[in-house]
Amino acid sequence: MVQLKKRIHKLIDRIDSLERVRKLYIFLLIFSIASLLVILNYSYISTFKDVKVLYAQYTKDRIIDIKKDFLRDSVNNMINNIEQTQVEIMEVNRNRINRATKVIEEYYRSEKEDFLEKVIDYFDTGTIKEAFDIFILDRSTDKILYQNNIGHMEDTRDVYDYIDDLKKKAITYNEDDYGKYYIFYGVTKDYIKHATTESIKKRIHSDSFENDAYIWINEIVNYDGGDNYAIRLIHPNLKDTEGTYLSTKTQDIEGNYPYLTELNGIKENGEIYFTYFFKKKTRDEVAEKLTYAKLYKEYNWIIAMGVYFDDIQPYIDEISEDGDKAISKMTALVGVLSLGLILIGILIVLILEHWYYQNSNKELREKLNIDELTKAFNRRAATKKLQETFYLFKRYNNVFAVVIFDIDDFKKINDSYGHDVGDRVLRNLVEIINKSTRKTDFLCRWGGEEFLLICEGLKEEHLDSFTDKILRDIENFEYEDQGEKYHITISIGASYFNKDDEDFSSVVKRADMALYKSKKEGKNRATLDI
């Protein structure tokens, strides 16, 4: 009996030992799992923080790239506007010269007794006197009877040499003899530049951009730099200082030399991106600014536009705040759930990360790809679409028709009814084209009153009926302005990719040549160039 009791006690002690071992094993297992979860949690949080920092930096870099594209496109658009303004001013003054010739000839036919007085009175009118260089000479005595906008001739100089100089300075002019009177009148490059400057100044002063952005123009006087190397020509942020001289020795609050940096970049590449500190337009605050500047060589103008970096920072702060919230949430989940839930959490973070990227860039991408006036796609979007369609043609031999069209005699609409009516016509044209085409067709504003249409799957045998419908729809639409009704027409050029094309520009050139042929052959028609 005693032996039995001893054996029972030993067995109980062994069972107690095994239970203690089992409890210890369970404790160690729980401790190991908890430790593993803590380690995984810490490792994951650290990794997530690194990802957040890297993503924030990537997002910042991406936003800056988009801003750079915006700055470059805005400056290039301003240069296009300058060139278009020059053409318009030239055309206006050619018409003035033609009208002046007719008026003077009429005076000579009907008002010979007071012919000279009539001519001088005509030239003394405001717009003509401002624009024209005028010179009237009595050939019988070589006496100068009238001058306007011209430096007086030296007494020792031959009058006919002086007239030759006037002709060289004029970009367009007319001259003729009326009895004993020799009359010269013309417009110089200097006047065209002056008129262009005034027109562009009004445009820049009235333009409005978000976040204190604006365009400005400086005119280089001395490419070697130094004091008085340039003139501040147009600056909507500092209108009172327009016309003052600039120096490459000027520093910002951080000791940078922005004008020197800009000038060196312009001389080396004709354009430059650079940063410096400058006062904001609407607040007395100095902040770091990203600027793009480009040289317009004809006038020695530096055309520039900038955006402030602190306008970019809110995007980064928002991403950081969202990242911190996600870290807290994932920490709580990892502490309670298993390793599998951690992996699910990583997937959620990746999805959120993708969502952040899409939503952060969506609005900027849309603004960069849509023409503000007509709401059609812009040239940037068209170029990308042409690249895609050319790839599909080369890879799969897909059929694409590329159609270019513009409004016939659009300048007459602007001249007759004003640019507001012209803008309304452009918007209406896009609405009509969208109704006349398929949802799969891609319409963009190629430039000015010129549009480009990409039609996937439109075969050559169906092209005539397709373009005829567009021509009819455009021609049949009736416009009305101040009680006057009118119609517009368009001319169309079209082409298709072919196997010899090396890139999409070839089909655009063919379509453009076809458009030119439509114009030449009477307008309001479509031409195909294979």
Foldseek 3Di string as FASTA:
>chain_A
DVVVVVVVVVVVVVVVVVVVVVVVVVVVVVVVQLVVLVVVLVVVLVVLVVVLVVLLVVLLVVVVVLVVVVFVVVLVVLVVVLVVLLVVVVVVQVVVQVVLVVVLVVCLVPPVVCSVVVNVVVCPDDPNLLFKFKWKAQQVVRDTDDTGPDDDDDPPDDVVVVVVVVVVQFPDWDWDDRDRMTMIMGGGPVSSVVVSLVVSLVVQLPDDDPQQKGKFKKAADALVFAWQRIFRQHDNLCRVRHGPGDGQCDAAPVRDRVVVVQSVCCVVPQKDWDKHWDAGRPDRDIAIKIKIWGAPPVRRMIMMMIHGCVVVVVLSVVSVVVSVVLSVVLSVCSSPDHPVVNVVSVVVVVVVSVVSSCVVCVVSVLVQQADPLQRAGEQVVVVVVQQVVVVCCVPPVWWKKKKKKFWPPLVVCCVVPNVVVSSVLLNVLVVLVVVLDDPPKHWYAHDDRMIMIMDTPQDPVCVQVSVVSSQCSQQPDWDDDPRDIDGIGMAMFMEIDDPPDPGSVVRVVRSVVQSVVCVVVPGSYYGYGD
